[in-house]
């Protein structure tokens, strides 16, 4: 399915988290926190300013980003969990 987010929204896939600690202990799903890192899958064209001009987004598809803990709306698309969020919820682009 091809998805194009609207305005200043981006679609992000969470990075998978380590299942074990450094000592080899397996962490159960019930105590794991969801990672705050992800890969941008798709980005909208940007929001409009007061004059009606498009302000392009700073992120693009393929960027690895750090986002706030409770950002966005989780959705399931083609069997994968993804997050729709505004560009404002993204804290940093990781390189």
PDB file of N, CA and C in Angstrom:
ATOM      1  N   UNK A   1       0.843  -1.171   0.000  1.00  0.00           N
ATOM      2  CA  UNK A   1       0.000   0.000   0.000  1.00  0.00           C
ATOM      3  C   UNK A   1       0.894   1.242   0.000  1.00  0.00           C
ATOM      4  N   UNK A   2       0.575   2.203  -0.844  1.00  0.00           N
ATOM      5  CA  UNK A   2       1.357   3.431  -0.918  1.00  0.00           C
ATOM      6  C   UNK A   2       0.641   4.506  -0.104  1.00  0.00           C
ATOM      7  N   UNK A   3       1.364   5.140   0.813  1.00  0.00           N
ATOM      8  CA  UNK A   3       0.778   6.151   1.690  1.00  0.00           C
ATOM      9  C   UNK A   3       1.568   7.438   1.570  1.00  0.00           C
ATOM     10  N   UNK A   4       0.850   8.554   1.454  1.00  0.00           N
ATOM     11  CA  UNK A   4       1.487   9.863   1.440  1.00  0.00           C
ATOM     12  C   UNK A   4       0.860  10.688   2.555  1.00  0.00           C
ATOM     13  N   UNK A   5       1.615  10.981   3.616  1.00  0.00           N
ATOM     14  CA  UNK A   5       1.085  11.792   4.718  1.00  0.00           C
ATOM     15  C   UNK A   5       0.713  13.205   4.261  1.00  0.00           C
ATOM     16  N   UNK A   6      -0.225  13.798   4.939  1.00  0.00           N
ATOM     17  CA  UNK A   6      -0.689  15.142   4.621  1.00  0.00           C
ATOM     18  C   UNK A   6       0.128  16.187   5.386  1.00  0.00           C
ATOM     19  N   UNK A   7       0.300  17.351   4.784  1.00  0.00           N
ATOM     20  CA  UNK A   7       0.918  18.530   5.380  1.00  0.00           C
ATOM     21  C   UNK A   7       2.233  18.231   6.097  1.00  0.00           C
ATOM     22  N   UNK A   8       2.298  18.492   7.414  1.00  0.00           N
ATOM     23  CA  UNK A   8       3.567  18.332   8.140  1.00  0.00           C
ATOM     24  C   UNK A   8       3.640  17.009   8.896  1.00  0.00           C
ATOM     25  N   UNK A   9       2.915  16.011   8.448  1.00  0.00           N
ATOM     26  CA  UNK A   9       2.944  14.709   9.114  1.00  0.00           C
ATOM     27  C   UNK A   9       3.972  13.788   8.462  1.00  0.00           C
ATOM     28  N   UNK A  10       4.504  12.887   9.290  1.00  0.00           N
ATOM     29  CA  UNK A  10       5.458  11.885   8.802  1.00  0.00           C
ATOM     30  C   UNK A  10       5.007  10.512   9.292  1.00  0.00           C
ATOM     31  N   UNK A  11       5.379   9.484   8.557  1.00  0.00           N
ATOM     32  CA  UNK A  11       5.092   8.101   8.925  1.00  0.00           C
ATOM     33  C   UNK A  11       6.415   7.460   9.315  1.00  0.00           C
ATOM     34  N   UNK A  12       6.473   6.915  10.532  1.00  0.00           N
ATOM     35  CA  UNK A  12       7.722   6.390  11.090  1.00  0.00           C
ATOM     36  C   UNK A  12       7.538   4.942  11.497  1.00  0.00           C
ATOM     37  N   UNK A  13       8.571   4.133  11.254  1.00  0.00           N
ATOM     38  CA  UNK A  13       8.629   2.763  11.761  1.00  0.00           C
ATOM     39  C   UNK A  13       9.612   2.747  12.910  1.00  0.00           C
ATOM     40  N   UNK A  14       9.173   2.228  14.063  1.00  0.00           N
ATOM     41  CA  UNK A  14      10.061   2.148  15.228  1.00  0.00           C
ATOM     42  C   UNK A  14      11.219   1.205  14.973  1.00  0.00           C
ATOM     43  N   UNK A  15      12.377   1.539  15.520  1.00  0.00           N
ATOM     44  CA  UNK A  15      13.535   0.649  15.465  1.00  0.00           C
ATOM     45  C   UNK A  15      13.273  -0.476  16.457  1.00  0.00           C
ATOM     46  N   UNK A  16      13.722  -1.678  16.142  1.00  0.00           N
ATOM     47  CA  UNK A  16      13.536  -2.796  17.067  1.00  0.00           C
ATOM     48  C   UNK A  16      14.513  -2.651  18.224  1.00  0.00           C
ATOM     49  N   UNK A  17      14.055  -3.048  19.389  1.00  0.00           N
ATOM     50  CA  UNK A  17      14.853  -2.925  20.602  1.00  0.00           C
ATOM     51  C   UNK A  17      15.543  -4.245  20.902  1.00  0.00           C
ATOM     52  N   UNK A  18      16.661  -4.163  21.581  1.00  0.00           N
ATOM     53  CA  UNK A  18      17.393  -5.364  21.983  1.00  0.00           C
ATOM     54  C   UNK A  18      16.509  -6.238  22.868  1.00  0.00           C
ATOM     55  N   UNK A  19      16.520  -7.531  22.637  1.00  0.00           N
ATOM     56  CA  UNK A  19      15.727  -8.476  23.412  1.00  0.00           C
ATOM     57  C   UNK A  19      16.471  -8.981  24.645  1.00  0.00           C
ATOM     58  N   UNK A  20      17.801  -8.760  24.688  1.00  0.00           N
ATOM     59  CA  UNK A  20      18.623  -9.230  25.803  1.00  0.00           C
ATOM     60  C   UNK A  20      19.431  -8.087  26.387  1.00  0.00           C
ATOM     61  N   UNK A  21      19.800  -8.219  27.656  1.00  0.00           N
ATOM     62  CA  UNK A  21      20.711  -7.263  28.274  1.00  0.00           C
ATOM     63  C   UNK A  21      22.137  -7.660  27.906  1.00  0.00           C
ATOM     64  N   UNK A  22      23.100  -6.843  28.287  1.00  0.00           N
ATOM     65  CA  UNK A  22      24.500  -7.153  27.996  1.00  0.00           C
ATOM     66  C   UNK A  22      24.936  -8.448  28.685  1.00  0.00           C
ATOM     67  N   UNK A  23      24.320  -8.765  29.833  1.00  0.00           N
ATOM     68  CA  UNK A  23      24.649  -9.980  30.560  1.00  0.00           C
ATOM     69  C   UNK A  23      23.949 -11.213  30.028  1.00  0.00           C
ATOM     70  N   UNK A  24      23.083 -11.069  29.003  1.00  0.00           N
ATOM     71  CA  UNK A  24      22.421 -12.208  28.399  1.00  0.00           C
ATOM     72  C   UNK A  24      21.029 -12.491  28.936  1.00  0.00           C
ATOM     73  N   UNK A  25      20.500 -11.608  29.796  1.00  0.00           N
ATOM     74  CA  UNK A  25      19.160 -11.819  30.353  1.00  0.00           C
ATOM     75  C   UNK A  25      18.126 -11.374  29.325  1.00  0.00           C
ATOM     76  N   UNK A  26      17.148 -12.230  29.067  1.00  0.00           N
ATOM     77  CA  UNK A  26      16.096 -11.909  28.100  1.00  0.00           C
ATOM     78  C   UNK A  26      15.041 -11.053  28.787  1.00  0.00           C
ATOM     79  N   UNK A  27      14.682  -9.948  28.130  1.00  0.00           N
ATOM     80  CA  UNK A  27      13.713  -9.011  28.695  1.00  0.00           C
ATOM     81  C   UNK A  27      12.325  -9.344  28.144  1.00  0.00           C
ATOM     82  N   UNK A  28      11.340  -9.608  29.029  1.00  0.00           N
ATOM     83  CA  UNK A  28       9.990  -9.908  28.542  1.00  0.00           C
ATOM     84  C   UNK A  28       9.308  -8.654  27.994  1.00  0.00           C
ATOM     85  N   UNK A  29       8.343  -8.849  27.090  1.00  0.00           N
ATOM     86  CA  UNK A  29       7.641  -7.736  26.458  1.00  0.00           C
ATOM     87  C   UNK A  29       6.912  -6.838  27.458  1.00  0.00           C
ATOM     88  N   UNK A  30       6.473  -7.390  28.572  1.00  0.00           N
ATOM     89  CA  UNK A  30       5.674  -6.617  29.514  1.00  0.00           C
ATOM     90  C   UNK A  30       6.464  -5.524  30.218  1.00  0.00           C
ATOM     91  N   UNK A  31       7.778  -5.638  30.316  1.00  0.00           N
ATOM     92  CA  UNK A  31       8.572  -4.623  31.015  1.00  0.00           C
ATOM     93  C   UNK A  31       9.404  -3.758  30.075  1.00  0.00           C
ATOM     94  N   UNK A  32       9.381  -4.075  28.792  1.00  0.00           N
ATOM     95  CA  UNK A  32      10.164  -3.288  27.835  1.00  0.00           C
ATOM     96  C   UNK A  32       9.484  -1.963  27.550  1.00  0.00           C
ATOM     97  N   UNK A  33      10.290  -0.914  27.424  1.00  0.00           N
ATOM     98  CA  UNK A  33       9.772   0.365  26.961  1.00  0.00           C
ATOM     99  C   UNK A  33       9.917   0.407  25.453  1.00  0.00           C
ATOM    100  N   UNK A  34       8.986   1.076  24.803  1.00  0.00           N
ATOM    101  CA  UNK A  34       9.063   1.189  23.354  1.00  0.00           C
ATOM    102  C   UNK A  34      10.205   2.129  22.992  1.00  0.00           C
ATOM    103  N   UNK A  35      10.978   1.784  21.984  1.00  0.00           N
ATOM    104  CA  UNK A  35      12.087   2.657  21.579  1.00  0.00           C
ATOM    105  C   UNK A  35      11.587   3.989  21.042  1.00  0.00           C
ATOM    106  N   UNK A  36      12.388   5.029  21.225  1.00  0.00           N
ATOM    107  CA  UNK A  36      12.044   6.364  20.763  1.00  0.00           C
ATOM    108  C   UNK A  36      12.815   6.716  19.496  1.00  0.00           C
ATOM    109  N   UNK A  37      13.362   5.708  18.838  1.00  0.00           N
ATOM    110  CA  UNK A  37      14.072   5.899  17.573  1.00  0.00           C
ATOM    111  C   UNK A  37      13.287   5.223  16.475  1.00  0.00           C
ATOM    112  N   UNK A  38      13.381   5.797  15.275  1.00  0.00           N
ATOM    113  CA  UNK A  38      12.692   5.189  14.155  1.00  0.00           C
ATOM    114  C   UNK A  38      13.234   5.661  12.825  1.00  0.00           C
ATOM    115  N   UNK A  39      12.713   5.062  11.775  1.00  0.00           N
ATOM    116  CA  UNK A  39      13.071   5.410  10.406  1.00  0.00           C
ATOM    117  C   UNK A  39      11.845   6.042   9.746  1.00  0.00           C
ATOM    118  N   UNK A  40      12.037   7.189   9.112  1.00  0.00           N
ATOM    119  CA  UNK A  40      10.945   7.852   8.401  1.00  0.00           C
ATOM    120  C   UNK A  40      10.647   7.065   7.132  1.00  0.00           C
ATOM    121  N   UNK A  41       9.405   6.614   6.991  1.00  0.00           N
ATOM    122  CA  UNK A  41       8.975   5.850   5.831  1.00  0.00           C
ATOM    123  C   UNK A  41       8.448   6.789   4.752  1.00  0.00           C
ATOM    124  N   UNK A  42       7.680   7.792   5.166  1.00  0.00           N
ATOM    125  CA  UNK A  42       7.113   8.756   4.221  1.00  0.00           C
ATOM    126  C   UNK A  42       6.932  10.090   4.936  1.00  0.00           C
ATOM    127  N   UNK A  43       7.026  11.179   4.189  1.00  0.00           N
ATOM    128  CA  UNK A  43       6.847  12.517   4.749  1.00  0.00           C
ATOM    129  C   UNK A  43       5.922  13.319   3.857  1.00  0.00           C
ATOM    130  N   UNK A  44       5.111  14.161   4.477  1.00  0.00           N
ATOM    131  CA  UNK A  44       4.209  15.023   3.723  1.00  0.00           C
ATOM    132  C   UNK A  44       4.956  16.167   3.068  1.00  0.00           C
ATOM    133  N   UNK A  45       4.246  16.990   2.299  1.00  0.00           N
ATOM    134  CA  UNK A  45       4.889  18.090   1.581  1.00  0.00           C
ATOM    135  C   UNK A  45       5.258  19.275   2.462  1.00  0.00           C
ATOM    136  N   UNK A  46       4.727  19.355   3.664  1.00  0.00           N
ATOM    137  CA  UNK A  46       5.001  20.479   4.553  1.00  0.00           C
ATOM    138  C   UNK A  46       3.739  21.285   4.792  1.00  0.00           C
ATOM    139  N   UNK A  47       3.747  22.078   5.870  1.00  0.00           N
ATOM    140  CA  UNK A  47       2.545  22.867   6.152  1.00  0.00           C
ATOM    141  C   UNK A  47       2.647  24.233   5.485  1.00  0.00           C
ATOM    142  N   UNK A  48       1.544  24.911   5.458  1.00  0.00           N
ATOM    143  CA  UNK A  48       1.489  26.228   4.824  1.00  0.00           C
ATOM    144  C   UNK A  48       1.692  27.319   5.872  1.00  0.00           C
ATOM    145  N   UNK A  49       2.397  28.391   5.479  1.00  0.00           N
ATOM    146  CA  UNK A  49       2.587  29.526   6.381  1.00  0.00           C
ATOM    147  C   UNK A  49       1.396  30.472   6.268  1.00  0.00           C
ATOM    148  N   UNK A  50       1.476  31.643   6.900  1.00  0.00           N
ATOM    149  CA  UNK A  50       0.360  32.592   6.908  1.00  0.00           C
ATOM    150  C   UNK A  50       0.035  33.148   5.526  1.00  0.00           C
ATOM    151  N   UNK A  51       1.005  33.146   4.620  1.00  0.00           N
ATOM    152  CA  UNK A  51       0.782  33.648   3.265  1.00  0.00           C
ATOM    153  C   UNK A  51       0.319  32.567   2.295  1.00  0.00           C
ATOM    154  N   UNK A  52       0.205  31.332   2.770  1.00  0.00           N
ATOM    155  CA  UNK A  52      -0.242  30.231   1.920  1.00  0.00           C
ATOM    156  C   UNK A  52       0.881  29.494   1.204  1.00  0.00           C
ATOM    157  N   UNK A  53       2.131  29.859   1.487  1.00  0.00           N
ATOM    158  CA  UNK A  53       3.279  29.190   0.869  1.00  0.00           C
ATOM    159  C   UNK A  53       3.640  27.934   1.645  1.00  0.00           C
ATOM    160  N   UNK A  54       4.041  26.884   0.940  1.00  0.00           N
ATOM    161  CA  UNK A  54       4.462  25.632   1.588  1.00  0.00           C
ATOM    162  C   UNK A  54       5.814  25.817   2.250  1.00  0.00           C
ATOM    163  N   UNK A  55       5.925  25.345   3.490  1.00  0.00           N
ATOM    164  CA  UNK A  55       7.203  25.302   4.201  1.00  0.00           C
ATOM    165  C   UNK A  55       7.624  23.837   4.209  1.00  0.00           C
ATOM    166  N   UNK A  56       8.672  23.457   3.429  1.00  0.00           N
ATOM    167  CA  UNK A  56       9.043  22.040   3.325  1.00  0.00           C
ATOM    168  C   UNK A  56       9.560  21.485   4.656  1.00  0.00           C
ATOM    169  N   UNK A  57       9.389  20.173   4.825  1.00  0.00           N
ATOM    170  CA  UNK A  57       9.856  19.496   6.037  1.00  0.00           C
ATOM    171  C   UNK A  57      11.368  19.331   6.007  1.00  0.00           C
ATOM    172  N   UNK A  58      11.958  19.255   7.195  1.00  0.00           N
ATOM    173  CA  UNK A  58      13.404  19.027   7.285  1.00  0.00           C
ATOM    174  C   UNK A  58      13.742  17.541   7.200  1.00  0.00           C
ATOM    175  N   UNK A  59      12.774  16.674   7.501  1.00  0.00           N
ATOM    176  CA  UNK A  59      13.019  15.235   7.429  1.00  0.00           C
ATOM    177  C   UNK A  59      12.530  14.700   6.095  1.00  0.00           C
ATOM    178  N   UNK A  60      13.112  13.580   5.689  1.00  0.00           N
ATOM    179  CA  UNK A  60      12.705  12.934   4.444  1.00  0.00           C
ATOM    180  C   UNK A  60      12.702  11.427   4.672  1.00  0.00           C
ATOM    181  N   UNK A  61      12.135  10.698   3.764  1.00  0.00           N
ATOM    182  CA  UNK A  61      12.083   9.243   3.864  1.00  0.00           C
ATOM    183  C   UNK A  61      13.505   8.689   3.959  1.00  0.00           C
ATOM    184  N   UNK A  62      13.701   7.757   4.892  1.00  0.00           N
ATOM    185  CA  UNK A  62      15.006   7.141   5.088  1.00  0.00           C
ATOM    186  C   UNK A  62      15.792   7.734   6.241  1.00  0.00           C
ATOM    187  N   UNK A  63      15.391   8.909   6.753  1.00  0.00           N
ATOM    188  CA  UNK A  63      16.089   9.518   7.888  1.00  0.00           C
ATOM    189  C   UNK A  63      15.837   8.722   9.166  1.00  0.00           C
ATOM    190  N   UNK A  64      16.868   8.577   9.966  1.00  0.00           N
ATOM    191  CA  UNK A  64      16.742   7.948  11.290  1.00  0.00           C
ATOM    192  C   UNK A  64      16.502   9.062  12.286  1.00  0.00           C
ATOM    193  N   UNK A  65      15.412   8.993  13.048  1.00  0.00           N
ATOM    194  CA  UNK A  65      15.010  10.102  13.909  1.00  0.00           C
ATOM    195  C   UNK A  65      14.799   9.654  15.353  1.00  0.00           C
ATOM    196  N   UNK A  66      14.863  10.629  16.239  1.00  0.00           N
ATOM    197  CA  UNK A  66      14.566  10.461  17.657  1.00  0.00           C
ATOM    198  C   UNK A  66      13.310  11.275  17.916  1.00  0.00           C
ATOM    199  N   UNK A  67      12.289  10.659  18.532  1.00  0.00           N
ATOM    200  CA  UNK A  67      11.029  11.368  18.737  1.00  0.00           C
ATOM    201  C   UNK A  67      10.594  11.264  20.196  1.00  0.00           C
ATOM    202  N   UNK A  68       9.652  12.119  20.576  1.00  0.00           N
ATOM    203  CA  UNK A  68       9.197  12.146  21.960  1.00  0.00           C
ATOM    204  C   UNK A  68       8.443  10.860  22.305  1.00  0.00           C
ATOM    205  N   UNK A  69       8.428  10.542  23.578  1.00  0.00           N
ATOM    206  CA  UNK A  69       7.938   9.249  24.063  1.00  0.00           C
ATOM    207  C   UNK A  69       6.487   8.953  23.675  1.00  0.00           C
ATOM    208  N   UNK A  70       5.617   9.925  23.805  1.00  0.00           N
ATOM    209  CA  UNK A  70       4.193   9.687  23.541  1.00  0.00           C
ATOM    210  C   UNK A  70       3.739  10.356  22.247  1.00  0.00           C
ATOM    211  N   UNK A  71       4.630  10.452  21.283  1.00  0.00           N
ATOM    212  CA  UNK A  71       4.338  11.145  20.025  1.00  0.00           C
ATOM    213  C   UNK A  71       3.462  10.315  19.107  1.00  0.00           C
ATOM    214  N   UNK A  72       2.615  10.997  18.385  1.00  0.00           N
ATOM    215  CA  UNK A  72       1.896  10.398  17.269  1.00  0.00           C
ATOM    216  C   UNK A  72       0.791   9.421  17.597  1.00  0.00           C
ATOM    217  N   UNK A  73       0.305   8.823  16.531  1.00  0.00           N
ATOM    218  CA  UNK A  73      -0.768   7.847  16.588  1.00  0.00           C
ATOM    219  C   UNK A  73      -0.274   6.551  15.975  1.00  0.00           C
ATOM    220  N   UNK A  74      -0.348   5.472  16.734  1.00  0.00           N
ATOM    221  CA  UNK A  74       0.113   4.174  16.232  1.00  0.00           C
ATOM    222  C   UNK A  74      -0.957   3.563  15.338  1.00  0.00           C
ATOM    223  N   UNK A  75      -0.524   3.086  14.172  1.00  0.00           N
ATOM    224  CA  UNK A  75      -1.423   2.428  13.224  1.00  0.00           C
ATOM    225  C   UNK A  75      -0.750   1.162  12.716  1.00  0.00           C
ATOM    226  N   UNK A  76      -1.548   0.240  12.214  1.00  0.00           N
ATOM    227  CA  UNK A  76      -1.010  -0.986  11.629  1.00  0.00           C
ATOM    228  C   UNK A  76      -1.285  -0.948  10.143  1.00  0.00           C
ATOM    229  N   UNK A  77      -0.209  -0.931   9.334  1.00  0.00           N
ATOM    230  CA  UNK A  77      -0.329  -0.852   7.888  1.00  0.00           C
ATOM    231  C   UNK A  77       0.427  -2.034   7.292  1.00  0.00           C
ATOM    232  N   UNK A  78      -0.259  -2.819   6.495  1.00  0.00           N
ATOM    233  CA  UNK A  78       0.328  -4.008   5.867  1.00  0.00           C
ATOM    234  C   UNK A  78       0.988  -4.925   6.892  1.00  0.00           C
ATOM    235  N   UNK A  79       0.369  -5.060   8.070  1.00  0.00           N
ATOM    236  CA  UNK A  79       0.875  -5.956   9.100  1.00  0.00           C
ATOM    237  C   UNK A  79       2.023  -5.405   9.929  1.00  0.00           C
ATOM    238  N   UNK A  80       2.457  -4.167   9.673  1.00  0.00           N
ATOM    239  CA  UNK A  80       3.545  -3.566  10.447  1.00  0.00           C
ATOM    240  C   UNK A  80       3.015  -2.393  11.254  1.00  0.00           C
ATOM    241  N   UNK A  81       3.525  -2.271  12.491  1.00  0.00           N
ATOM    242  CA  UNK A  81       3.142  -1.128  13.316  1.00  0.00           C
ATOM    243  C   UNK A  81       3.943   0.086  12.897  1.00  0.00           C
ATOM    244  N   UNK A  82       3.248   1.182  12.662  1.00  0.00           N
ATOM    245  CA  UNK A  82       3.878   2.443  12.267  1.00  0.00           C
ATOM    246  C   UNK A  82       3.273   3.558  13.105  1.00  0.00           C
ATOM    247  N   UNK A  83       3.895   4.723  13.050  1.00  0.00           N
ATOM    248  CA  UNK A  83       3.415   5.869  13.816  1.00  0.00           C
ATOM    249  C   UNK A  83       3.265   7.067  12.885  1.00  0.00           C
ATOM    250  N   UNK A  84       2.091   7.675  12.910  1.00  0.00           N
ATOM    251  CA  UNK A  84       1.886   8.958  12.245  1.00  0.00           C
ATOM    252  C   UNK A  84       2.147  10.030  13.284  1.00  0.00           C
ATOM    253  N   UNK A  85       3.006  10.990  12.951  1.00  0.00           N
ATOM    254  CA  UNK A  85       3.286  12.084  13.888  1.00  0.00           C
ATOM    255  C   UNK A  85       3.551  13.361  13.108  1.00  0.00           C
ATOM    256  N   UNK A  86       3.468  14.463  13.808  1.00  0.00           N
ATOM    257  CA  UNK A  86       3.815  15.752  13.211  1.00  0.00           C
ATOM    258  C   UNK A  86       5.322  15.926  13.270  1.00  0.00           C
ATOM    259  N   UNK A  87       5.831  16.748  12.392  1.00  0.00           N
ATOM    260  CA  UNK A  87       7.274  17.006  12.390  1.00  0.00           C
ATOM    261  C   UNK A  87       7.713  17.618  13.728  1.00  0.00           C
ATOM    262  N   UNK A  88       6.839  18.353  14.391  1.00  0.00           N
ATOM    263  CA  UNK A  88       7.152  18.966  15.682  1.00  0.00           C
ATOM    264  C   UNK A  88       7.466  17.929  16.763  1.00  0.00           C
ATOM    265  N   UNK A  89       6.944  16.696  16.623  1.00  0.00           N
ATOM    266  CA  UNK A  89       7.193  15.641  17.607  1.00  0.00           C
ATOM    267  C   UNK A  89       8.573  15.031  17.457  1.00  0.00           C
ATOM    268  N   UNK A  90       9.250  15.296  16.340  1.00  0.00           N
ATOM    269  CA  UNK A  90      10.591  14.759  16.117  1.00  0.00           C
ATOM    270  C   UNK A  90      11.598  15.668  16.804  1.00  0.00           C
ATOM    271  N   UNK A  91      12.426  15.069  17.647  1.00  0.00           N
ATOM    272  CA  UNK A  91      13.399  15.831  18.428  1.00  0.00           C
ATOM    273  C   UNK A  91      14.711  16.034  17.686  1.00  0.00           C
ATOM    274  N   UNK A  92      15.139  15.029  16.912  1.00  0.00           N
ATOM    275  CA  UNK A  92      16.440  15.117  16.238  1.00  0.00           C
ATOM    276  C   UNK A  92      16.507  14.127  15.086  1.00  0.00           C
ATOM    277  N   UNK A  93      17.363  14.459  14.124  1.00  0.00           N
ATOM    278  CA  UNK A  93      17.712  13.538  13.044  1.00  0.00           C
ATOM    279  C   UNK A  93      19.052  12.940  13.414  1.00  0.00           C
ATOM    280  N   UNK A  94      19.139  11.620  13.473  1.00  0.00           N
ATOM    281  CA  UNK A  94      20.361  10.937  13.870  1.00  0.00           C
ATOM    282  C   UNK A  94      21.174  10.595  12.631  1.00  0.00           C
ATOM    283  N   UNK A  95      22.501  10.766  12.735  1.00  0.00           N
ATOM    284  CA  UNK A  95      23.344  10.438  11.576  1.00  0.00           C
ATOM    285  C   UNK A  95      24.324   9.337  11.915  1.00  0.00           C
TER     286      UNK A  95
END
